[in-house]
PDB file of N, CA and C in Angstrom:
ATOM      1  N   MET A   1     -10.917  -7.270  34.328  1.00  0.00           N
ATOM      2  CA  MET A   1     -10.938  -7.883  33.016  1.00  0.00           C
ATOM      3  C   MET A   1     -11.984  -7.179  32.153  1.00  0.00           C
ATOM      4  N   LYS A   2     -11.619  -6.841  30.932  1.00  0.00           N
ATOM      5  CA  LYS A   2     -12.545  -6.181  30.013  1.00  0.00           C
ATOM      6  C   LYS A   2     -13.541  -7.187  29.435  1.00  0.00           C
ATOM      7  N   THR A   3     -14.734  -6.704  29.169  1.00  0.00           N
ATOM      8  CA  THR A   3     -15.760  -7.519  28.534  1.00  0.00           C
ATOM      9  C   THR A   3     -15.633  -7.392  27.024  1.00  0.00           C
ATOM     10  N   LYS A   4     -15.497  -8.522  26.346  1.00  0.00           N
ATOM     11  CA  LYS A   4     -15.414  -8.513  24.884  1.00  0.00           C
ATOM     12  C   LYS A   4     -16.817  -8.336  24.307  1.00  0.00           C
ATOM     13  N   VAL A   5     -16.937  -7.422  23.328  1.00  0.00           N
ATOM     14  CA  VAL A   5     -18.240  -7.102  22.746  1.00  0.00           C
ATOM     15  C   VAL A   5     -18.135  -7.114  21.228  1.00  0.00           C
ATOM     16  N   LEU A   6     -19.113  -7.742  20.592  1.00  0.00           N
ATOM     17  CA  LEU A   6     -19.296  -7.672  19.147  1.00  0.00           C
ATOM     18  C   LEU A   6     -20.610  -6.940  18.934  1.00  0.00           C
ATOM     19  N   LEU A   7     -20.553  -5.751  18.355  1.00  0.00           N
ATOM     20  CA  LEU A   7     -21.749  -4.940  18.139  1.00  0.00           C
ATOM     21  C   LEU A   7     -22.375  -5.307  16.796  1.00  0.00           C
ATOM     22  N   ASP A   8     -23.599  -5.816  16.853  1.00  0.00           N
ATOM     23  CA  ASP A   8     -24.370  -6.137  15.648  1.00  0.00           C
ATOM     24  C   ASP A   8     -25.406  -5.028  15.503  1.00  0.00           C
ATOM     25  N   THR A   9     -25.312  -4.260  14.451  1.00  0.00           N
ATOM     26  CA  THR A   9     -26.107  -3.046  14.341  1.00  0.00           C
ATOM     27  C   THR A   9     -26.671  -2.855  12.939  1.00  0.00           C
ATOM     28  N   ASP A  10     -27.668  -1.996  12.865  1.00  0.00           N
ATOM     29  CA  ASP A  10     -28.234  -1.583  11.583  1.00  0.00           C
ATOM     30  C   ASP A  10     -28.116  -0.063  11.470  1.00  0.00           C
ATOM     31  N   ILE A  11     -26.934   0.453  11.796  1.00  0.00           N
ATOM     32  CA  ILE A  11     -26.711   1.902  11.810  1.00  0.00           C
ATOM     33  C   ILE A  11     -27.242   2.523  10.521  1.00  0.00           C
ATOM     34  N   GLY A  12     -28.044   3.524  10.695  1.00  0.00           N
ATOM     35  CA  GLY A  12     -28.656   4.203   9.556  1.00  0.00           C
ATOM     36  C   GLY A  12     -29.098   5.591   9.961  1.00  0.00           C
ATOM     37  N   ASN A  13     -30.371   5.858   9.819  1.00  0.00           N
ATOM     38  CA  ASN A  13     -30.859   7.201  10.105  1.00  0.00           C
ATOM     39  C   ASN A  13     -31.333   7.380  11.548  1.00  0.00           C
ATOM     40  N   ASP A  14     -31.308   6.332  12.372  1.00  0.00           N
ATOM     41  CA  ASP A  14     -31.626   6.458  13.793  1.00  0.00           C
ATOM     42  C   ASP A  14     -30.337   6.654  14.579  1.00  0.00           C
ATOM     43  N   ILE A  15     -30.404   7.423  15.648  1.00  0.00           N
ATOM     44  CA  ILE A  15     -29.207   7.761  16.401  1.00  0.00           C
ATOM     45  C   ILE A  15     -28.850   6.719  17.466  1.00  0.00           C
ATOM     46  N   ASP A  16     -29.763   5.811  17.802  1.00  0.00           N
ATOM     47  CA  ASP A  16     -29.530   4.900  18.925  1.00  0.00           C
ATOM     48  C   ASP A  16     -28.315   4.003  18.736  1.00  0.00           C
ATOM     49  N   ASP A  17     -28.105   3.473  17.551  1.00  0.00           N
ATOM     50  CA  ASP A  17     -26.950   2.600  17.318  1.00  0.00           C
ATOM     51  C   ASP A  17     -25.638   3.388  17.315  1.00  0.00           C
ATOM     52  N   ALA A  18     -25.666   4.596  16.820  1.00  0.00           N
ATOM     53  CA  ALA A  18     -24.466   5.437  16.837  1.00  0.00           C
ATOM     54  C   ALA A  18     -24.073   5.778  18.274  1.00  0.00           C
ATOM     55  N   ILE A  19     -25.058   6.041  19.123  1.00  0.00           N
ATOM     56  CA  ILE A  19     -24.774   6.321  20.530  1.00  0.00           C
ATOM     57  C   ILE A  19     -24.223   5.064  21.216  1.00  0.00           C
ATOM     58  N   ALA A  20     -24.774   3.916  20.914  1.00  0.00           N
ATOM     59  CA  ALA A  20     -24.271   2.668  21.488  1.00  0.00           C
ATOM     60  C   ALA A  20     -22.819   2.438  21.082  1.00  0.00           C
ATOM     61  N   LEU A  21     -22.487   2.696  19.833  1.00  0.00           N
ATOM     62  CA  LEU A  21     -21.118   2.540  19.362  1.00  0.00           C
ATOM     63  C   LEU A  21     -20.182   3.515  20.078  1.00  0.00           C
ATOM     64  N   ALA A  22     -20.587   4.764  20.206  1.00  0.00           N
ATOM     65  CA  ALA A  22     -19.768   5.757  20.906  1.00  0.00           C
ATOM     66  C   ALA A  22     -19.562   5.357  22.364  1.00  0.00           C
ATOM     67  N   TYR A  23     -20.607   4.863  23.008  1.00  0.00           N
ATOM     68  CA  TYR A  23     -20.500   4.423  24.400  1.00  0.00           C
ATOM     69  C   TYR A  23     -19.500   3.281  24.537  1.00  0.00           C
ATOM     70  N   LEU A  24     -19.591   2.299  23.666  1.00  0.00           N
ATOM     71  CA  LEU A  24     -18.687   1.159  23.737  1.00  0.00           C
ATOM     72  C   LEU A  24     -17.239   1.576  23.495  1.00  0.00           C
ATOM     73  N   LEU A  25     -17.026   2.493  22.567  1.00  0.00           N
ATOM     74  CA  LEU A  25     -15.664   2.961  22.290  1.00  0.00           C
ATOM     75  C   LEU A  25     -15.082   3.753  23.456  1.00  0.00           C
ATOM     76  N   ALA A  26     -15.927   4.459  24.194  1.00  0.00           N
ATOM     77  CA  ALA A  26     -15.456   5.285  25.303  1.00  0.00           C
ATOM     78  C   ALA A  26     -15.361   4.519  26.623  1.00  0.00           C
ATOM     79  N   ASN A  27     -15.963   3.361  26.707  1.00  0.00           N
ATOM     80  CA  ASN A  27     -16.016   2.602  27.955  1.00  0.00           C
ATOM     81  C   ASN A  27     -14.704   1.846  28.174  1.00  0.00           C
ATOM     82  N   PRO A  28     -13.963   2.164  29.232  1.00  0.00           N
ATOM     83  CA  PRO A  28     -12.674   1.503  29.466  1.00  0.00           C
ATOM     84  C   PRO A  28     -12.807   0.032  29.861  1.00  0.00           C
ATOM     85  N   ASP A  29     -14.013  -0.403  30.262  1.00  0.00           N
ATOM     86  CA  ASP A  29     -14.223  -1.801  30.642  1.00  0.00           C
ATOM     87  C   ASP A  29     -14.657  -2.675  29.465  1.00  0.00           C
ATOM     88  N   CYS A  30     -14.717  -2.080  28.288  1.00  0.00           N
ATOM     89  CA  CYS A  30     -15.196  -2.781  27.094  1.00  0.00           C
ATOM     90  C   CYS A  30     -14.052  -3.007  26.104  1.00  0.00           C
ATOM     91  N   ASP A  31     -13.977  -4.213  25.571  1.00  0.00           N
ATOM     92  CA  ASP A  31     -13.043  -4.528  24.497  1.00  0.00           C
ATOM     93  C   ASP A  31     -13.884  -4.784  23.245  1.00  0.00           C
ATOM     94  N   LEU A  32     -14.078  -3.729  22.442  1.00  0.00           N
ATOM     95  CA  LEU A  32     -14.887  -3.840  21.230  1.00  0.00           C
ATOM     96  C   LEU A  32     -14.077  -4.596  20.183  1.00  0.00           C
ATOM     97  N   VAL A  33     -14.456  -5.841  19.942  1.00  0.00           N
ATOM     98  CA  VAL A  33     -13.687  -6.696  19.044  1.00  0.00           C
ATOM     99  C   VAL A  33     -14.167  -6.616  17.602  1.00  0.00           C
ATOM    100  N   GLY A  34     -15.356  -6.046  17.385  1.00  0.00           N
ATOM    101  CA  GLY A  34     -15.836  -5.925  16.018  1.00  0.00           C
ATOM    102  C   GLY A  34     -17.196  -5.275  15.942  1.00  0.00           C
ATOM    103  N   VAL A  35     -17.521  -4.823  14.736  1.00  0.00           N
ATOM    104  CA  VAL A  35     -18.820  -4.235  14.454  1.00  0.00           C
ATOM    105  C   VAL A  35     -19.347  -4.898  13.188  1.00  0.00           C
ATOM    106  N   VAL A  36     -20.544  -5.439  13.270  1.00  0.00           N
ATOM    107  CA  VAL A  36     -21.188  -6.082  12.138  1.00  0.00           C
ATOM    108  C   VAL A  36     -22.408  -5.244  11.785  1.00  0.00           C
ATOM    109  N   THR A  37     -22.546  -4.907  10.513  1.00  0.00           N
ATOM    110  CA  THR A  37     -23.702  -4.122  10.091  1.00  0.00           C
ATOM    111  C   THR A  37     -24.550  -4.926   9.122  1.00  0.00           C
ATOM    112  N   GLU A  38     -25.825  -4.625   9.124  1.00  0.00           N
ATOM    113  CA  GLU A  38     -26.741  -5.272   8.201  1.00  0.00           C
ATOM    114  C   GLU A  38     -27.890  -4.336   7.889  1.00  0.00           C
ATOM    115  N   SER A  39     -28.506  -4.562   6.775  1.00  0.00           N
ATOM    116  CA  SER A  39     -29.636  -3.731   6.388  1.00  0.00           C
ATOM    117  C   SER A  39     -30.297  -4.311   5.155  1.00  0.00           C
ATOM    118  N   GLY A  40     -31.524  -3.922   4.960  1.00  0.00           N
ATOM    119  CA  GLY A  40     -32.215  -4.290   3.737  1.00  0.00           C
ATOM    120  C   GLY A  40     -31.877  -3.347   2.603  1.00  0.00           C
ATOM    121  N   GLN A  41     -31.205  -2.217   2.944  1.00  0.00           N
ATOM    122  CA  GLN A  41     -30.841  -1.206   1.952  1.00  0.00           C
ATOM    123  C   GLN A  41     -29.357  -0.871   2.088  1.00  0.00           C
ATOM    124  N   PRO A  42     -28.459  -1.796   1.744  1.00  0.00           N
ATOM    125  CA  PRO A  42     -27.035  -1.571   1.996  1.00  0.00           C
ATOM    126  C   PRO A  42     -26.444  -0.372   1.266  1.00  0.00           C
ATOM    127  N   VAL A  43     -26.871  -0.083   0.073  1.00  0.00           N
ATOM    128  CA  VAL A  43     -26.320   1.051  -0.669  1.00  0.00           C
ATOM    129  C   VAL A  43     -26.699   2.357  -0.002  1.00  0.00           C
ATOM    130  N   GLU A  44     -27.958   2.488   0.414  1.00  0.00           N
ATOM    131  CA  GLU A  44     -28.406   3.718   1.052  1.00  0.00           C
ATOM    132  C   GLU A  44     -27.741   3.921   2.407  1.00  0.00           C
ATOM    133  N   ARG A  45     -27.528   2.862   3.167  1.00  0.00           N
ATOM    134  CA  ARG A  45     -26.936   2.990   4.499  1.00  0.00           C
ATOM    135  C   ARG A  45     -25.428   3.159   4.441  1.00  0.00           C
ATOM    136  N   ALA A  46     -24.778   2.699   3.412  1.00  0.00           N
ATOM    137  CA  ALA A  46     -23.323   2.864   3.296  1.00  0.00           C
ATOM    138  C   ALA A  46     -22.998   4.301   2.998  1.00  0.00           C
TER     139      ALA A  46
END
């Protein structure tokens, strides 16, 4: 059975969240059901 995951991230100029997203997408045991982003600078991060 796959594990359902909702990734809550602040993807921006650090690579750690991007690597976590890539890992979850490549993991066959993971069912990535959504990605939620947040930031204090939404225009700059978009």
